[in-house]
N, C-alpha and C. Protein backbone atom coordinates (compact mmCIF):
# COMPACT_ATOMS: atom_id res chain seq x y z
N MET A 1 -13.11 -3.32 -10.71
CA MET A 1 -13.06 -5.21 -11.29
C MET A 1 -13.94 -5.66 -9.89
N SER A 2 -15.35 -6.43 -10.87
CA SER A 2 -15.16 -7.03 -9.66
C SER A 2 -14.62 -8.64 -9.66
N GLN A 3 -15.74 -9.56 -8.20
CA GLN A 3 -14.41 -10.57 -7.68
C GLN A 3 -15.24 -10.71 -9.25
N ASN A 4 -13.90 -12.33 -9.70
CA ASN A 4 -13.85 -12.82 -10.37
C ASN A 4 -13.88 -14.34 -9.65
N SER A 5 -15.22 -15.71 -11.01
CA SER A 5 -15.57 -16.70 -10.28
C SER A 5 -14.33 -16.94 -10.01
N SER A 6 -13.68 -17.87 -9.72
CA SER A 6 -12.86 -19.17 -9.38
C SER A 6 -12.39 -20.06 -10.61
N ASN A 7 -13.45 -19.40 -11.85
CA ASN A 7 -12.85 -20.47 -12.68
C ASN A 7 -12.36 -20.03 -14.03
N GLN A 8 -12.09 -18.05 -13.50
CA GLN A 8 -11.92 -17.83 -14.72
C GLN A 8 -10.31 -17.63 -15.13
N LEU A 9 -9.98 -17.43 -16.31
CA LEU A 9 -8.50 -18.10 -16.53
C LEU A 9 -7.55 -17.30 -17.00
N PHE A 10 -8.92 -15.64 -17.40
CA PHE A 10 -7.68 -14.99 -18.02
C PHE A 10 -8.40 -13.69 -17.99
N PHE A 11 -6.97 -12.16 -17.86
CA PHE A 11 -7.65 -10.90 -17.30
C PHE A 11 -7.25 -10.51 -18.87
N LEU A 12 -7.91 -10.13 -18.90
CA LEU A 12 -7.23 -8.89 -20.08
C LEU A 12 -7.19 -7.78 -20.60
N ALA A 13 -5.47 -7.12 -20.36
CA ALA A 13 -5.85 -5.66 -19.93
C ALA A 13 -7.06 -4.70 -19.93
N ASP A 14 -7.30 -5.19 -21.15
CA ASP A 14 -7.98 -3.40 -21.55
C ASP A 14 -9.34 -3.92 -21.11
N GLU A 15 -9.50 -4.95 -20.43
CA GLU A 15 -10.82 -4.82 -19.78
C GLU A 15 -10.24 -4.84 -18.30
N MET A 16 -9.83 -4.54 -17.75
CA MET A 16 -9.25 -4.02 -16.54
C MET A 16 -9.05 -2.30 -16.10
N GLN A 17 -9.44 -2.36 -15.56
CA GLN A 17 -9.91 -0.77 -15.03
C GLN A 17 -8.95 0.20 -14.02
N TRP A 18 -7.84 0.91 -14.32
CA TRP A 18 -6.93 1.71 -13.29
C TRP A 18 -7.53 2.29 -12.47
N GLU A 19 -7.68 2.46 -11.10
CA GLU A 19 -8.73 3.05 -9.82
C GLU A 19 -6.84 3.94 -9.84
N ILE A 20 -7.36 5.04 -8.83
CA ILE A 20 -6.77 5.94 -8.42
C ILE A 20 -6.12 5.10 -6.77
N ALA A 21 -4.79 4.51 -6.08
CA ALA A 21 -4.39 4.51 -4.98
C ALA A 21 -4.23 6.18 -4.70
N SER A 22 -3.99 6.40 -4.97
CA SER A 22 -3.46 7.38 -3.40
C SER A 22 -3.16 9.00 -5.11
N THR A 23 -2.03 9.51 -4.00
CA THR A 23 -1.28 10.33 -4.94
C THR A 23 -0.45 10.06 -5.80
N GLY A 24 -0.51 10.68 -7.12
CA GLY A 24 0.85 9.85 -8.39
C GLY A 24 0.57 8.99 -8.53
N VAL A 25 -0.11 7.67 -7.84
CA VAL A 25 -0.65 6.26 -7.89
C VAL A 25 -1.71 5.30 -8.18
N LEU A 26 -1.57 5.52 -9.04
CA LEU A 26 -2.83 3.63 -9.95
C LEU A 26 -3.38 2.61 -10.03
N ARG A 27 -3.72 2.15 -9.92
CA ARG A 27 -4.19 0.65 -9.65
C ARG A 27 -4.35 -0.50 -10.19
N GLN A 28 -4.37 -1.17 -10.56
CA GLN A 28 -4.49 -2.58 -11.75
C GLN A 28 -4.71 -3.74 -11.44
N LEU A 29 -5.40 -4.60 -10.76
CA LEU A 29 -5.73 -5.47 -10.47
C LEU A 29 -5.82 -6.82 -11.60
N THR A 30 -4.96 -7.73 -11.73
CA THR A 30 -4.78 -8.88 -13.60
C THR A 30 -4.99 -9.49 -12.50
N GLY A 31 -5.55 -11.01 -11.53
CA GLY A 31 -6.35 -11.23 -12.10
C GLY A 31 -5.75 -11.69 -10.47
N PHE A 32 -6.60 -12.70 -9.73
CA PHE A 32 -6.67 -13.11 -8.27
C PHE A 32 -7.49 -14.13 -8.41
N ASP A 33 -7.54 -15.44 -7.45
CA ASP A 33 -8.53 -16.41 -6.77
C ASP A 33 -8.26 -15.85 -4.78
N ASP A 34 -9.20 -16.80 -4.78
CA ASP A 34 -9.11 -17.10 -2.69
C ASP A 34 -7.90 -17.28 -2.30
N ARG A 35 -6.37 -17.48 -2.93
CA ARG A 35 -5.75 -17.43 -2.30
C ARG A 35 -3.83 -16.83 -2.97
N VAL A 36 -4.08 -16.27 -4.00
CA VAL A 36 -3.51 -15.43 -4.80
C VAL A 36 -3.51 -13.99 -5.40
N MET A 37 -3.02 -12.46 -5.77
CA MET A 37 -4.45 -11.24 -6.21
C MET A 37 -2.45 -10.83 -6.81
N MET A 38 -2.31 -10.74 -8.50
CA MET A 38 -1.81 -9.83 -8.81
C MET A 38 -2.05 -8.56 -9.32
N VAL A 39 -0.94 -7.65 -8.90
CA VAL A 39 -2.12 -6.40 -8.99
C VAL A 39 -0.72 -5.11 -9.48
N ASN A 40 -0.94 -4.82 -10.82
CA ASN A 40 0.12 -3.27 -11.26
C ASN A 40 -0.49 -2.47 -10.68
N VAL A 41 0.98 -1.61 -10.16
CA VAL A 41 0.74 0.01 -9.61
C VAL A 41 1.83 0.94 -10.04
N ARG A 42 1.26 1.60 -10.84
CA ARG A 42 2.15 3.09 -11.40
C ARG A 42 2.45 4.01 -10.94
N PHE A 43 3.03 4.91 -10.92
CA PHE A 43 3.90 5.88 -9.88
C PHE A 43 3.82 6.99 -10.89
N LYS A 44 3.96 8.04 -10.55
CA LYS A 44 4.51 9.40 -10.98
C LYS A 44 6.14 9.43 -10.26
N GLU A 45 6.99 10.08 -11.35
CA GLU A 45 7.87 10.74 -10.17
C GLU A 45 7.78 11.09 -9.01
N GLY A 46 8.27 11.19 -8.51
CA GLY A 46 8.08 11.86 -6.77
C GLY A 46 7.13 10.96 -6.16
N ALA A 47 6.05 10.29 -6.16
CA ALA A 47 4.99 9.55 -5.92
C ALA A 47 5.14 8.86 -4.76
N ILE A 48 4.59 8.51 -3.69
CA ILE A 48 4.94 7.62 -2.86
C ILE A 48 4.03 6.26 -2.18
N GLY A 49 4.24 4.91 -2.47
CA GLY A 49 3.74 4.24 -1.44
C GLY A 49 4.08 3.72 0.01
N PRO A 50 3.25 4.42 0.50
CA PRO A 50 3.37 5.02 2.30
C PRO A 50 4.02 3.92 2.96
N MET A 51 4.58 3.73 4.21
CA MET A 51 5.01 2.73 4.83
C MET A 51 3.64 2.59 5.18
N HIS A 52 3.22 1.00 5.53
CA HIS A 52 2.44 -0.10 6.29
C HIS A 52 2.87 -1.12 6.41
N LYS A 53 1.59 -2.59 6.65
CA LYS A 53 2.53 -3.17 6.87
C LYS A 53 0.61 -4.38 6.91
N HIS A 54 0.56 -5.35 5.90
CA HIS A 54 -0.78 -6.08 6.29
C HIS A 54 0.45 -7.86 6.46
N THR A 55 -0.87 -8.59 6.92
CA THR A 55 -0.99 -10.14 6.88
C THR A 55 0.00 -10.74 6.31
N HIS A 56 -0.84 -10.30 4.66
CA HIS A 56 -0.80 -10.38 3.61
C HIS A 56 1.16 -10.97 2.49
N THR A 57 1.41 -11.65 2.90
CA THR A 57 2.96 -11.55 2.37
C THR A 57 2.73 -11.15 0.52
N GLN A 58 3.62 -10.93 0.36
CA GLN A 58 4.19 -9.82 -1.43
C GLN A 58 5.83 -9.78 -1.59
N LEU A 59 5.44 -10.76 -2.94
CA LEU A 59 6.58 -10.52 -3.97
C LEU A 59 5.98 -9.18 -4.70
N THR A 60 7.09 -8.63 -5.46
CA THR A 60 7.28 -6.72 -6.19
C THR A 60 8.20 -7.75 -6.97
N TYR A 61 7.45 -6.92 -8.46
CA TYR A 61 9.23 -6.81 -9.66
C TYR A 61 8.63 -5.87 -9.87
N VAL A 62 9.60 -4.88 -10.35
CA VAL A 62 10.18 -3.56 -10.93
C VAL A 62 9.69 -3.59 -12.60
N ALA A 63 8.55 -3.36 -13.25
CA ALA A 63 8.54 -3.41 -14.25
C ALA A 63 9.51 -2.32 -14.92
N GLU A 64 9.24 -1.27 -14.42
CA GLU A 64 9.56 -0.61 -14.91
C GLU A 64 9.95 1.42 -14.29
N GLY A 65 11.12 1.95 -14.61
CA GLY A 65 11.44 2.82 -13.27
C GLY A 65 12.67 2.80 -12.41
N LYS A 66 12.65 3.69 -11.18
CA LYS A 66 13.46 3.55 -10.36
C LYS A 66 12.61 3.88 -9.05
N PHE A 67 12.76 2.97 -7.77
CA PHE A 67 12.41 3.33 -6.83
C PHE A 67 13.44 3.05 -5.25
N GLU A 68 12.93 4.10 -4.41
CA GLU A 68 13.60 3.67 -3.35
C GLU A 68 12.87 2.35 -1.82
N VAL A 69 13.21 1.65 -2.30
CA VAL A 69 12.53 0.60 -1.36
C VAL A 69 12.44 0.59 0.37
N THR A 70 11.94 0.82 0.74
CA THR A 70 12.30 0.39 2.27
C THR A 70 11.27 -0.63 2.73
N ILE A 71 11.58 -1.89 3.74
CA ILE A 71 11.15 -3.22 4.23
C ILE A 71 12.04 -3.05 5.56
N GLU A 72 10.92 -2.93 6.92
CA GLU A 72 11.60 -2.51 7.96
C GLU A 72 13.13 -1.31 8.14
N SER A 73 14.00 -1.91 8.40
CA SER A 73 15.09 -0.89 8.81
C SER A 73 15.99 -0.95 7.53
N ASP A 74 15.87 -1.32 6.62
CA ASP A 74 16.05 -1.98 5.14
C ASP A 74 15.65 -1.07 3.99
N THR A 75 16.69 -0.39 3.96
CA THR A 75 16.21 0.40 2.01
C THR A 75 17.07 0.04 1.23
N CYS A 76 16.64 0.31 0.22
CA CYS A 76 17.21 -0.07 -1.14
C CYS A 76 16.96 0.12 -2.62
N VAL A 77 17.73 0.62 -3.73
CA VAL A 77 17.14 1.52 -4.83
C VAL A 77 16.10 0.23 -5.65
N LEU A 78 16.52 0.46 -6.32
CA LEU A 78 15.99 -0.65 -7.31
C LEU A 78 15.17 -0.19 -8.08
N LYS A 79 15.46 -0.83 -9.56
CA LYS A 79 15.39 -0.78 -10.92
C LYS A 79 14.83 -1.48 -11.77
N LYS A 80 14.04 -1.56 -12.99
CA LYS A 80 13.43 -2.33 -14.40
C LYS A 80 14.50 -3.80 -13.48
N GLY A 81 13.87 -4.83 -13.48
CA GLY A 81 13.84 -5.96 -13.06
C GLY A 81 14.55 -6.81 -12.04
N ASP A 82 14.33 -5.48 -11.39
CA ASP A 82 14.94 -5.66 -9.71
C ASP A 82 13.57 -6.59 -9.16
N SER A 83 13.35 -6.49 -8.23
CA SER A 83 12.04 -7.59 -7.02
C SER A 83 12.99 -7.32 -5.74
N PHE A 84 11.60 -7.60 -4.56
CA PHE A 84 11.86 -7.46 -3.31
C PHE A 84 10.84 -8.39 -2.90
N GLN A 85 10.58 -8.70 -1.34
CA GLN A 85 9.72 -9.36 -1.51
C GLN A 85 9.85 -8.97 0.19
N VAL A 86 8.59 -8.82 0.98
CA VAL A 86 7.76 -8.93 2.12
C VAL A 86 7.25 -9.29 3.08
N PRO A 87 8.21 -9.67 4.08
CA PRO A 87 7.87 -11.17 4.58
C PRO A 87 5.52 -10.26 5.78
N SER A 88 5.10 -11.44 5.46
CA SER A 88 3.87 -10.75 6.71
C SER A 88 3.87 -10.14 7.50
N ASN A 89 2.93 -8.92 7.70
CA ASN A 89 3.69 -8.04 8.64
C ASN A 89 4.49 -7.19 9.25
N SER A 90 5.17 -6.95 8.46
CA SER A 90 6.49 -6.68 7.62
C SER A 90 6.16 -4.66 7.61
N LEU A 91 6.41 -3.60 8.36
CA LEU A 91 6.17 -2.25 7.80
C LEU A 91 7.18 -2.27 6.42
N HIS A 92 6.64 -1.17 5.75
CA HIS A 92 7.21 -1.37 4.32
C HIS A 92 6.62 -0.59 3.22
N GLY A 93 7.19 0.23 2.73
CA GLY A 93 6.96 1.29 1.79
C GLY A 93 7.89 1.79 0.62
N VAL A 94 7.59 3.13 0.22
CA VAL A 94 8.45 3.39 -1.79
C VAL A 94 8.14 4.42 -2.07
N LEU A 95 9.38 5.02 -2.87
CA LEU A 95 9.27 6.40 -3.44
C LEU A 95 9.65 5.85 -4.81
N CYS A 96 9.48 6.27 -5.39
CA CYS A 96 9.02 6.60 -6.94
C CYS A 96 10.39 7.65 -7.13
N ILE A 97 11.60 7.41 -8.01
CA ILE A 97 12.26 8.34 -8.12
C ILE A 97 12.54 8.40 -9.86
N GLU A 98 11.81 6.99 -10.21
CA GLU A 98 11.30 7.74 -11.87
C GLU A 98 10.53 7.11 -12.11
N GLU A 99 9.40 7.32 -12.96
CA GLU A 99 8.53 7.11 -12.93
C GLU A 99 8.16 5.45 -13.18
N GLY A 100 7.24 4.41 -12.77
CA GLY A 100 7.27 3.16 -13.44
C GLY A 100 6.55 2.70 -12.63
N ILE A 101 6.60 1.14 -12.69
CA ILE A 101 5.20 0.18 -12.53
C ILE A 101 6.18 -1.03 -11.47
N LEU A 102 5.09 -0.65 -10.73
CA LEU A 102 5.11 -2.09 -10.12
C LEU A 102 4.48 -3.34 -9.60
N ILE A 103 4.97 -4.81 -9.96
CA ILE A 103 3.78 -5.66 -10.42
C ILE A 103 4.15 -6.40 -8.94
N ASP A 104 3.02 -5.98 -8.39
CA ASP A 104 2.42 -7.03 -6.99
C ASP A 104 2.51 -8.05 -6.57
N VAL A 105 2.54 -8.96 -6.46
CA VAL A 105 1.81 -10.75 -5.99
C VAL A 105 1.23 -10.36 -4.49
N PHE A 106 0.10 -11.34 -4.01
CA PHE A 106 -0.29 -11.19 -2.27
C PHE A 106 -0.45 -12.69 -2.67
N SER A 107 0.09 -12.64 -1.18
CA SER A 107 -0.90 -14.39 -0.89
C SER A 107 -1.59 -13.68 0.61
N PRO A 108 -2.23 -13.92 1.19
CA PRO A 108 -3.25 -14.43 -0.07
C PRO A 108 -3.45 -13.66 -0.91
N MET A 109 -4.64 -13.33 -0.96
CA MET A 109 -5.46 -12.38 -1.92
C MET A 109 -5.67 -11.59 -1.44
N ARG A 110 -5.88 -9.77 -1.57
CA ARG A 110 -6.30 -8.87 -0.28
C ARG A 110 -7.25 -8.62 -1.20
N ALA A 111 -8.34 -8.99 0.45
CA ALA A 111 -9.72 -8.90 -0.29
C ALA A 111 -10.37 -7.23 -0.31
N ASP A 112 -9.71 -6.51 0.50
CA ASP A 112 -9.51 -4.94 1.11
C ASP A 112 -9.59 -4.25 -0.68
N PHE A 113 -8.97 -4.75 -1.41
CA PHE A 113 -8.98 -4.64 -3.18
C PHE A 113 -10.23 -4.62 -3.74
N ILE A 114 -11.04 -5.70 -3.44
CA ILE A 114 -12.07 -5.41 -4.09
C ILE A 114 -12.82 -4.50 -4.08
N LYS A 115 -13.21 -4.31 -5.03
CA LYS A 115 -15.07 -3.26 -4.60
C LYS A 115 -16.76 -4.48 -5.18
């Protein structure tokens, strides 16, 4: 997905490409402007979102599946319908227990995700 114009209002799933984020993990940008970004992240069972941190605040909704989520020293198993918040610069990662999809929202947008 190329950088969108600030006036784009609709983001159609059929027009958005999935890209490989890591082994067993696909990422699809679903909408963004300079202040916020939403991303679908599809995980195969056993796939890992490795521990990392970034300056962006992140809110994540579990749309499908089951995940073990670690934020700093806290770990929790989350299922469909649950969510979590990652404060800016907090070390975090996930392990996919059952194949699923996470919906990530970042503020500000992740310029590093734009090609």
